[in-house]
Amino acid sequence: MLGMKNTEEIPFDDYNHFLTGNVDGESIEKAIRWIMMGAQNPPPDCMKLYINSDGGNLTDAFALMDVMRTSPVPIATVGMGNLMSSAFMIFAAGKKGQRAIGKNTSIMIHQFNHEYAGKYHDMKVYTKEIDRINYRMVAELARTSGMTESEVSTKLLKPSDVWLSAEQLVELGFADIIF
């Protein structure tokens, strides 16, 4: 993290961070620590989160999105390579006006999915939490784009994966700049 230099991970610099690979507890913890450390010695304008990910755990992504939203330092997002699933959500949570997307980025969003298994009664109870997670996903996508929750559900969360171009991402209000 900030000020920590080791042979396993050397940050680009204190105000730029790469979120690559799977969105999981480990990658999200690193990103949250980076934001918290950066807030202690704020940059003059913003911190930049570069994202190239196929996605992963949505509830872990929510943790990072909450920290980004409440950070005293604006978090700009830069999407490149792959921007899919929960990585799409994290990208969209960047500071409006400072969300840049690469022209050749593969962009995909889809309905929340989970592979929960267990006893019948546990699964039955867990469906309430799955509904809450889905509601939070729709609400966050609406908040970050300006779309209504109904528009999010019908345009983005179809039965099949939805693939978008960089231009479509800007048109829908999830990105601000194409590079």
Foldseek 3Di string as FASTA:
>chain_A
DAPDDDPPDDAPHLQEHEQEEEQDQVSLVVLLVSLVVCLVVPDPAAGEYEYAYQYYDQVSLVVSLVSQQPRPGFYAYEYAAEQHESSLLNLLSGDQVRREYEQPYKYKYEQDDDDDDDDPVVVVVCVVVSVVSRVVSLVSLCVSQVNDSVCCCVPQHDPDMDIDGSVVCVVSRSGPYYD
